[in-house]
N, C-alpha and C. Protein backbone atom coordinates (compact mmCIF):
# COMPACT_ATOMS: atom_id res chain seq x y z
N MET A 1 0.83 -1.19 0.00
CA MET A 1 0.00 0.00 0.00
C MET A 1 0.88 1.25 0.00
N SER A 2 0.48 2.20 -0.80
CA SER A 2 1.22 3.45 -0.80
C SER A 2 0.47 4.47 0.05
N LYS A 3 1.22 5.28 0.72
CA LYS A 3 0.63 6.32 1.55
C LYS A 3 0.57 7.59 0.71
N GLU A 4 -0.64 8.01 0.40
CA GLU A 4 -0.80 9.23 -0.38
C GLU A 4 -1.25 10.35 0.54
N GLN A 5 -0.52 11.44 0.48
CA GLN A 5 -0.87 12.61 1.25
C GLN A 5 -1.91 13.42 0.48
N SER A 6 -2.89 13.92 1.16
CA SER A 6 -3.88 14.78 0.53
C SER A 6 -3.22 16.11 0.20
N LYS A 7 -3.53 16.65 -0.96
CA LYS A 7 -2.99 17.95 -1.34
C LYS A 7 -3.80 19.09 -0.74
N ASP A 8 -4.92 18.75 -0.13
CA ASP A 8 -5.76 19.75 0.52
C ASP A 8 -5.11 20.18 1.83
N PRO A 9 -4.73 21.47 1.96
CA PRO A 9 -4.08 21.92 3.20
C PRO A 9 -4.99 21.87 4.42
N LEU A 10 -6.29 21.73 4.20
CA LEU A 10 -7.23 21.67 5.32
C LEU A 10 -7.65 20.25 5.66
N HIS A 11 -7.05 19.28 5.00
CA HIS A 11 -7.40 17.88 5.23
C HIS A 11 -7.16 17.50 6.69
N GLY A 12 -8.21 17.05 7.36
CA GLY A 12 -8.09 16.62 8.75
C GLY A 12 -8.17 17.74 9.77
N VAL A 13 -8.37 18.98 9.32
CA VAL A 13 -8.45 20.11 10.24
C VAL A 13 -9.92 20.50 10.38
N THR A 14 -10.40 20.52 11.60
CA THR A 14 -11.81 20.86 11.82
C THR A 14 -12.01 22.37 11.78
N LEU A 15 -13.23 22.77 11.51
CA LEU A 15 -13.56 24.20 11.51
C LEU A 15 -13.33 24.80 12.90
N ALA A 16 -13.60 24.05 13.93
CA ALA A 16 -13.36 24.53 15.30
C ALA A 16 -11.89 24.81 15.53
N THR A 17 -11.02 23.95 15.02
CA THR A 17 -9.58 24.15 15.15
C THR A 17 -9.15 25.40 14.39
N ILE A 18 -9.70 25.58 13.20
CA ILE A 18 -9.36 26.74 12.38
C ILE A 18 -9.73 28.03 13.12
N VAL A 19 -10.95 28.11 13.61
CA VAL A 19 -11.40 29.33 14.30
C VAL A 19 -10.58 29.55 15.56
N THR A 20 -10.35 28.52 16.34
CA THR A 20 -9.58 28.65 17.58
C THR A 20 -8.16 29.11 17.30
N ASP A 21 -7.50 28.53 16.30
CA ASP A 21 -6.14 28.93 15.95
C ASP A 21 -6.08 30.38 15.49
N LEU A 22 -7.06 30.80 14.68
CA LEU A 22 -7.09 32.18 14.21
C LEU A 22 -7.33 33.16 15.35
N VAL A 23 -8.20 32.80 16.28
CA VAL A 23 -8.44 33.67 17.45
C VAL A 23 -7.18 33.75 18.31
N ASP A 24 -6.50 32.64 18.49
CA ASP A 24 -5.25 32.65 19.26
C ASP A 24 -4.20 33.52 18.59
N HIS A 25 -4.17 33.50 17.27
CA HIS A 25 -3.15 34.24 16.52
C HIS A 25 -3.49 35.73 16.41
N TYR A 26 -4.72 36.07 16.02
CA TYR A 26 -5.11 37.45 15.76
C TYR A 26 -5.94 38.10 16.85
N GLY A 27 -6.62 37.30 17.66
CA GLY A 27 -7.60 37.84 18.60
C GLY A 27 -8.88 38.15 17.85
N TRP A 28 -9.97 38.35 18.58
CA TRP A 28 -11.25 38.62 17.92
C TRP A 28 -11.22 39.92 17.13
N ASP A 29 -10.58 40.97 17.69
CA ASP A 29 -10.53 42.25 16.99
C ASP A 29 -9.73 42.15 15.70
N GLY A 30 -8.60 41.47 15.75
CA GLY A 30 -7.79 41.30 14.55
C GLY A 30 -8.49 40.46 13.50
N LEU A 31 -9.22 39.47 13.95
CA LEU A 31 -9.98 38.62 13.03
C LEU A 31 -11.11 39.43 12.38
N ALA A 32 -11.78 40.26 13.16
CA ALA A 32 -12.86 41.11 12.63
C ALA A 32 -12.32 42.13 11.63
N GLU A 33 -11.09 42.61 11.84
CA GLU A 33 -10.49 43.54 10.88
C GLU A 33 -10.21 42.85 9.55
N ARG A 34 -9.80 41.61 9.60
CA ARG A 34 -9.44 40.88 8.38
C ARG A 34 -10.65 40.31 7.65
N ILE A 35 -11.66 39.90 8.40
CA ILE A 35 -12.88 39.35 7.81
C ILE A 35 -14.06 40.06 8.48
N ASN A 36 -14.74 40.88 7.71
CA ASN A 36 -15.78 41.75 8.24
C ASN A 36 -17.12 41.00 8.34
N ILE A 37 -17.26 40.21 9.40
CA ILE A 37 -18.54 39.55 9.66
C ILE A 37 -18.90 39.75 11.13
N ASN A 38 -20.19 39.89 11.39
CA ASN A 38 -20.66 40.23 12.73
C ASN A 38 -20.32 39.20 13.79
N CYS A 39 -20.21 37.94 13.42
CA CYS A 39 -19.94 36.93 14.45
C CYS A 39 -18.53 37.11 15.04
N PHE A 40 -17.67 37.89 14.38
CA PHE A 40 -16.35 38.20 14.93
C PHE A 40 -16.33 39.56 15.63
N LYS A 41 -17.35 40.38 15.39
CA LYS A 41 -17.35 41.74 15.93
C LYS A 41 -18.27 41.91 17.13
N SER A 42 -19.45 41.30 17.10
CA SER A 42 -20.46 41.53 18.11
C SER A 42 -20.58 40.32 19.02
N ASP A 43 -20.09 40.47 20.24
CA ASP A 43 -20.14 39.40 21.25
C ASP A 43 -19.62 38.07 20.69
N PRO A 44 -18.36 38.05 20.23
CA PRO A 44 -17.83 36.86 19.56
C PRO A 44 -17.59 35.69 20.49
N SER A 45 -17.81 34.50 19.96
CA SER A 45 -17.46 33.27 20.65
C SER A 45 -17.20 32.21 19.58
N VAL A 46 -16.46 31.19 19.94
CA VAL A 46 -16.18 30.12 18.99
C VAL A 46 -17.49 29.45 18.59
N LYS A 47 -18.35 29.20 19.56
CA LYS A 47 -19.61 28.50 19.29
C LYS A 47 -20.48 29.27 18.30
N SER A 48 -20.66 30.57 18.52
CA SER A 48 -21.51 31.35 17.61
C SER A 48 -20.86 31.48 16.23
N SER A 49 -19.55 31.58 16.20
CA SER A 49 -18.85 31.67 14.92
C SER A 49 -19.00 30.39 14.12
N LEU A 50 -18.86 29.25 14.80
CA LEU A 50 -19.02 27.97 14.11
C LEU A 50 -20.43 27.82 13.54
N LYS A 51 -21.42 28.21 14.31
CA LYS A 51 -22.81 28.12 13.85
C LYS A 51 -23.00 28.94 12.58
N TYR A 52 -22.47 30.16 12.56
CA TYR A 52 -22.61 31.03 11.41
C TYR A 52 -21.81 30.50 10.21
N LEU A 53 -20.58 30.10 10.44
CA LEU A 53 -19.71 29.66 9.35
C LEU A 53 -20.21 28.37 8.71
N ARG A 54 -20.85 27.53 9.48
CA ARG A 54 -21.39 26.29 8.90
C ARG A 54 -22.57 26.56 7.96
N LYS A 55 -23.24 27.69 8.16
CA LYS A 55 -24.40 28.03 7.32
C LYS A 55 -24.04 28.98 6.17
N THR A 56 -22.89 29.63 6.25
CA THR A 56 -22.56 30.70 5.30
C THR A 56 -21.25 30.36 4.59
N GLN A 57 -21.37 29.80 3.40
CA GLN A 57 -20.20 29.28 2.68
C GLN A 57 -19.18 30.37 2.33
N TRP A 58 -19.62 31.55 1.89
CA TRP A 58 -18.66 32.58 1.50
C TRP A 58 -17.80 33.01 2.69
N ALA A 59 -18.41 33.08 3.87
CA ALA A 59 -17.66 33.47 5.07
C ALA A 59 -16.69 32.35 5.46
N ARG A 60 -17.14 31.11 5.36
CA ARG A 60 -16.27 29.98 5.66
C ARG A 60 -15.07 29.95 4.71
N ASP A 61 -15.32 30.23 3.43
CA ASP A 61 -14.22 30.27 2.45
C ASP A 61 -13.17 31.31 2.83
N LYS A 62 -13.62 32.47 3.29
CA LYS A 62 -12.68 33.53 3.70
C LYS A 62 -11.88 33.11 4.93
N VAL A 63 -12.55 32.48 5.88
CA VAL A 63 -11.87 32.03 7.11
C VAL A 63 -10.83 30.95 6.77
N GLU A 64 -11.21 30.01 5.92
CA GLU A 64 -10.27 28.95 5.53
C GLU A 64 -9.08 29.51 4.75
N ALA A 65 -9.32 30.49 3.89
CA ALA A 65 -8.22 31.11 3.13
C ALA A 65 -7.27 31.85 4.07
N LEU A 66 -7.82 32.55 5.05
CA LEU A 66 -6.97 33.24 6.02
C LEU A 66 -6.16 32.25 6.82
N TYR A 67 -6.76 31.15 7.22
CA TYR A 67 -6.05 30.11 7.97
C TYR A 67 -4.88 29.55 7.16
N ILE A 68 -5.13 29.26 5.89
CA ILE A 68 -4.08 28.70 5.03
C ILE A 68 -2.95 29.71 4.88
N SER A 69 -3.27 30.99 4.64
CA SER A 69 -2.21 31.98 4.47
C SER A 69 -1.47 32.24 5.78
N THR A 70 -2.13 32.09 6.91
CA THR A 70 -1.49 32.30 8.21
C THR A 70 -0.52 31.16 8.53
N LYS A 71 -0.86 29.94 8.12
CA LYS A 71 -0.04 28.77 8.44
C LYS A 71 1.18 28.62 7.54
N ARG A 72 1.28 29.41 6.50
CA ARG A 72 2.44 29.31 5.60
C ARG A 72 3.65 29.97 6.15
């Protein structure tokens, strides 16, 4: 058997991990500056952000792109 690595940089990374890592790196204010969505600006929490991001694909795409660029 050959071990093939996924070329997807988000393979195996949960949305909760992405949000938590970004908050640890930028803080809620820094995250809100980079991605202008209310779940990062108004009474932010990981739980409320996950709920919103799971329903809103364009916002999730922005968060995932920021995570990928931050991890490089």
